[in-house]
Amino acid sequence: MARIGLSFDHPRIRVFPAVRPAELAGFTTLGTRGCFLSHKSVLEQTLSAGERSVIICEDDLDFAPDFLSRLPAVLDIMGREAWDFFYAGYTSVQIGDLVGPEANIFRLPPNHPVLCSHFYIIRGQAIADFHDYLSVILSRPAGHPDGGPMHYDGAINHFRASRPDLVTLAILPTLGSQRSSRTDVHALRWFDRTPLVRDAVQFLRKAKRQ
């Protein structure tokens, strides 16, 4: 935050304490459910505050080294284009029509799946519509043909595919990436479970980030 001229004391920045569920409730792991519920809760807070847009950043986000130098062109394109979702940090190939060649921003097809949800923006009526869609997902059993409990990035993909009227923009290279850290949504690998080894791995991750 400090590197891009912000801080957690900024009046427009909110830190959301992660949801830690006690039961799976149809999800594959507690972390998967916690991630899903956390993002959904942020959308609820956005709606309750009457905000028309929200930038959501997960706690393992690192802004791109050239974030500030690219930002003016990005904001110019976002200001002149109509859009509902904007992927600033994600995993995917480039696909779709360019709408801002100067910043390499393109329009993702509705049925094109994207991995990760560590840095994205949603605005307008899409906030309420997506929140309602998440509520419907939670009401269904696991394995439901229309989509039951699932990973949060998968829920975004399902929603986008069901709403081809919505416009999703994305940028490459991304404006932020996920730094190396122990997963909260998948089963831990052996080196994150084994005593002593997991401590060494954590040290190496910190060294890599530095």
Protein backbone atom coordinates (compact mmCIF):
# COMPACT_ATOMS: atom_id res chain seq x y z
CA MET A 1 0.00 0.00 0.00
CA ALA A 2 2.75 2.44 0.93
CA ARG A 3 4.57 1.81 -2.34
CA ILE A 4 1.58 3.03 -4.35
CA GLY A 5 0.91 5.98 -2.09
CA LEU A 6 -1.81 4.50 0.13
CA SER A 7 -2.16 3.05 3.63
CA PHE A 8 -4.65 1.14 5.72
CA ASP A 9 -5.54 4.46 7.37
CA HIS A 10 -7.03 5.80 4.12
CA PRO A 11 -10.78 6.50 4.57
CA ARG A 12 -11.66 4.51 1.44
CA ILE A 13 -9.78 1.37 2.48
CA ARG A 14 -11.39 -1.32 4.61
CA VAL A 15 -9.75 -4.42 6.05
CA PHE A 16 -12.16 -7.34 6.23
CA PRO A 17 -11.45 -10.04 8.86
CA ALA A 18 -11.65 -13.38 7.10
CA VAL A 19 -14.60 -15.67 7.77
CA ARG A 20 -13.50 -18.90 9.48
CA PRO A 21 -16.34 -21.42 9.18
CA ALA A 22 -16.61 -24.46 11.41
CA GLU A 23 -18.41 -26.70 8.91
CA LEU A 24 -17.91 -27.60 5.27
CA ALA A 25 -21.59 -27.18 4.30
CA GLY A 26 -20.99 -28.79 0.91
CA PHE A 27 -17.62 -27.15 0.17
CA THR A 28 -14.49 -29.24 -0.38
CA THR A 29 -12.47 -27.51 2.36
CA LEU A 30 -13.11 -25.04 5.17
CA GLY A 31 -10.79 -22.57 3.45
CA THR A 32 -12.80 -22.76 0.24
CA ARG A 33 -15.98 -21.95 2.13
CA GLY A 34 -14.27 -19.23 4.15
CA CYS A 35 -12.97 -17.58 0.98
CA PHE A 36 -16.42 -17.74 -0.62
CA LEU A 37 -18.16 -16.28 2.44
CA SER A 38 -15.52 -13.58 2.90
CA HIS A 39 -15.90 -12.24 -0.64
CA LYS A 40 -19.68 -12.44 -0.36
CA SER A 41 -19.56 -10.48 2.90
CA VAL A 42 -17.46 -7.75 1.29
CA LEU A 43 -20.14 -7.40 -1.39
CA GLU A 44 -22.78 -7.17 1.36
CA GLN A 45 -20.85 -4.37 3.04
CA THR A 46 -20.52 -2.57 -0.28
CA LEU A 47 -24.26 -2.73 -0.84
CA SER A 48 -25.06 -1.68 2.73
CA ALA A 49 -22.79 1.36 2.36
CA GLY A 50 -24.52 2.36 -0.87
CA GLU A 51 -21.28 2.23 -2.84
CA ARG A 52 -21.42 1.88 -6.62
CA SER A 53 -18.07 0.15 -7.02
CA VAL A 54 -15.60 -1.90 -5.02
CA ILE A 55 -12.00 -2.99 -5.52
CA ILE A 56 -11.36 -6.31 -3.78
CA CYS A 57 -7.78 -7.33 -2.94
CA GLU A 58 -6.91 -10.57 -1.18
CA ASP A 59 -4.25 -10.46 1.53
CA ASP A 60 -1.58 -12.15 -0.59
CA LEU A 61 -1.69 -9.53 -3.34
CA ASP A 62 1.48 -7.84 -4.53
CA PHE A 63 1.04 -4.84 -6.81
CA ALA A 64 3.04 -4.98 -10.04
CA PRO A 65 6.39 -3.13 -9.91
CA ASP A 66 5.20 -0.80 -12.72
CA PHE A 67 1.72 -0.30 -11.21
CA LEU A 68 1.98 3.48 -10.84
CA SER A 69 3.44 4.14 -14.29
CA ARG A 70 0.67 2.11 -15.99
CA LEU A 71 -2.19 3.45 -13.87
CA PRO A 72 -3.00 6.67 -15.82
CA ALA A 73 -3.63 4.79 -19.08
CA VAL A 74 -5.66 2.13 -17.23
CA LEU A 75 -7.87 4.72 -15.54
CA ASP A 76 -8.42 6.56 -18.82
CA ILE A 77 -9.67 3.40 -20.52
CA MET A 78 -11.82 2.36 -17.56
CA GLY A 79 -13.37 5.82 -17.55
CA ARG A 80 -14.40 5.77 -21.19
CA GLU A 81 -15.51 2.12 -21.55
CA ALA A 82 -18.70 0.46 -20.28
CA TRP A 83 -17.89 -2.50 -18.03
CA ASP A 84 -19.16 -4.45 -15.02
CA PHE A 85 -16.18 -6.62 -13.98
CA PHE A 86 -12.51 -5.75 -14.24
CA TYR A 87 -9.81 -8.36 -13.63
CA ALA A 88 -6.63 -6.63 -12.46
CA GLY A 89 -4.99 -9.78 -11.04
CA TYR A 90 -5.85 -13.28 -12.26
CA THR A 91 -4.60 -16.24 -14.31
CA SER A 92 -5.67 -16.61 -17.94
CA VAL A 93 -4.50 -16.24 -21.50
CA GLN A 94 -5.35 -13.13 -23.48
CA ILE A 95 -8.57 -13.59 -25.39
CA GLY A 96 -11.19 -11.19 -26.71
CA ASP A 97 -11.23 -7.81 -28.42
CA LEU A 98 -8.85 -5.07 -27.35
CA VAL A 99 -10.62 -1.98 -26.02
CA GLY A 100 -7.51 -0.16 -24.82
CA PRO A 101 -4.38 -1.05 -26.80
CA GLU A 102 -2.30 1.53 -24.93
CA ALA A 103 -2.73 -0.50 -21.72
CA ASN A 104 -3.50 -3.89 -23.30
CA ILE A 105 -7.00 -4.07 -21.83
CA PHE A 106 -9.37 -6.48 -23.53
CA ARG A 107 -12.95 -7.69 -23.25
CA LEU A 108 -13.24 -11.27 -21.96
CA PRO A 109 -15.92 -13.48 -23.57
CA PRO A 110 -18.64 -14.39 -21.03
CA ASN A 111 -17.90 -18.12 -21.21
CA HIS A 112 -14.12 -17.81 -20.87
CA PRO A 113 -13.10 -19.12 -17.42
CA VAL A 114 -10.56 -17.28 -15.28
CA LEU A 115 -8.56 -18.59 -12.32
CA CYS A 116 -7.90 -16.61 -9.13
CA SER A 117 -9.73 -13.64 -7.63
CA HIS A 118 -7.00 -11.81 -5.73
CA PHE A 119 -7.50 -8.40 -7.41
CA TYR A 120 -10.70 -7.41 -9.20
CA ILE A 121 -13.28 -4.64 -9.43
CA ILE A 122 -17.04 -4.89 -9.72
CA ARG A 123 -19.44 -2.02 -10.10
CA GLY A 124 -23.02 -0.91 -10.65
CA GLN A 125 -25.96 -3.28 -10.62
CA ALA A 126 -23.57 -6.21 -11.09
CA ILE A 127 -22.66 -5.97 -7.38
CA ALA A 128 -26.21 -6.75 -6.22
CA ASP A 129 -26.85 -9.26 -9.00
CA PHE A 130 -23.68 -11.19 -8.27
CA HIS A 131 -24.33 -11.15 -4.52
CA ASP A 132 -27.79 -12.62 -5.13
CA TYR A 133 -26.27 -15.25 -7.39
CA LEU A 134 -23.84 -16.27 -4.64
CA SER A 135 -26.77 -16.64 -2.24
CA VAL A 136 -28.49 -18.99 -4.68
CA ILE A 137 -25.32 -21.09 -4.97
CA LEU A 138 -25.24 -21.47 -1.18
CA SER A 139 -28.86 -22.66 -1.20
CA ARG A 140 -28.06 -25.57 -3.52
CA PRO A 141 -26.51 -28.90 -2.56
CA ALA A 142 -23.00 -29.84 -3.63
CA GLY A 143 -22.92 -31.17 -7.19
CA HIS A 144 -26.10 -29.40 -8.26
CA PRO A 145 -26.24 -29.23 -12.10
CA ASP A 146 -26.76 -25.46 -11.98
CA GLY A 147 -23.89 -24.96 -9.55
CA GLY A 148 -23.69 -25.65 -5.82
CA PRO A 149 -20.92 -24.80 -3.32
CA MET A 150 -17.71 -24.20 -5.27
CA HIS A 151 -14.50 -22.19 -5.35
CA TYR A 152 -15.17 -18.47 -5.44
CA ASP A 153 -13.40 -17.85 -8.75
CA GLY A 154 -15.54 -20.61 -10.23
CA ALA A 155 -18.65 -18.83 -8.98
CA ILE A 156 -17.58 -15.68 -10.81
CA ASN A 157 -17.10 -17.73 -13.99
CA HIS A 158 -20.55 -19.32 -13.64
CA PHE A 159 -22.15 -15.93 -13.07
CA ARG A 160 -20.43 -14.34 -16.06
CA ALA A 161 -21.44 -17.23 -18.30
CA SER A 162 -25.06 -16.88 -17.18
CA ARG A 163 -25.04 -13.13 -17.88
CA PRO A 164 -23.65 -12.50 -21.37
CA ASP A 165 -25.02 -8.96 -21.14
CA LEU A 166 -22.35 -8.06 -18.58
CA VAL A 167 -19.00 -6.71 -19.79
CA THR A 168 -15.81 -8.09 -18.28
CA LEU A 169 -12.51 -6.38 -18.93
CA ALA A 170 -9.05 -7.75 -18.13
CA ILE A 171 -5.49 -6.54 -18.45
CA LEU A 172 -2.17 -8.22 -19.26
CA PRO A 173 0.35 -8.06 -17.81
CA THR A 174 -1.71 -8.00 -14.65
CA LEU A 175 -1.57 -5.10 -12.20
CA GLY A 176 -0.97 -7.48 -9.31
CA SER A 177 0.02 -11.06 -8.57
CA GLN A 178 -0.28 -13.51 -5.69
CA ARG A 179 2.92 -13.83 -3.70
CA SER A 180 4.06 -17.27 -2.61
CA SER A 181 2.26 -18.33 0.58
CA ARG A 182 0.67 -21.36 2.22
CA THR A 183 -2.71 -22.12 0.69
CA ASP A 184 -5.91 -21.60 2.68
CA VAL A 185 -8.33 -23.13 0.18
CA HIS A 186 -6.69 -26.42 -0.86
CA ALA A 187 -5.35 -29.39 1.06
CA LEU A 188 -1.87 -28.59 2.38
CA ARG A 189 1.08 -30.16 0.61
CA TRP A 190 3.46 -32.37 2.56
CA PHE A 191 6.04 -29.59 3.04
CA ASP A 192 3.38 -27.36 4.64
CA ARG A 193 2.33 -30.13 7.04
CA THR A 194 5.66 -31.57 8.17
CA PRO A 195 7.15 -30.08 11.37
CA LEU A 196 10.48 -28.26 10.85
CA VAL A 197 10.14 -28.56 7.08
CA ARG A 198 7.15 -26.22 7.05
CA ASP A 199 9.13 -23.66 9.08
CA ALA A 200 11.96 -23.80 6.56
CA VAL A 201 9.53 -23.40 3.67
CA GLN A 202 7.94 -20.39 5.35
CA PHE A 203 11.39 -18.81 5.80
CA LEU A 204 12.21 -19.39 2.12
CA ARG A 205 8.92 -17.81 1.05
CA LYS A 206 9.72 -14.71 3.08
CA ALA A 207 13.18 -14.59 1.54
CA LYS A 208 11.69 -14.90 -1.94
CA ARG A 209 9.28 -12.03 -1.27
CA GLN A 210 12.12 -9.84 -0.05
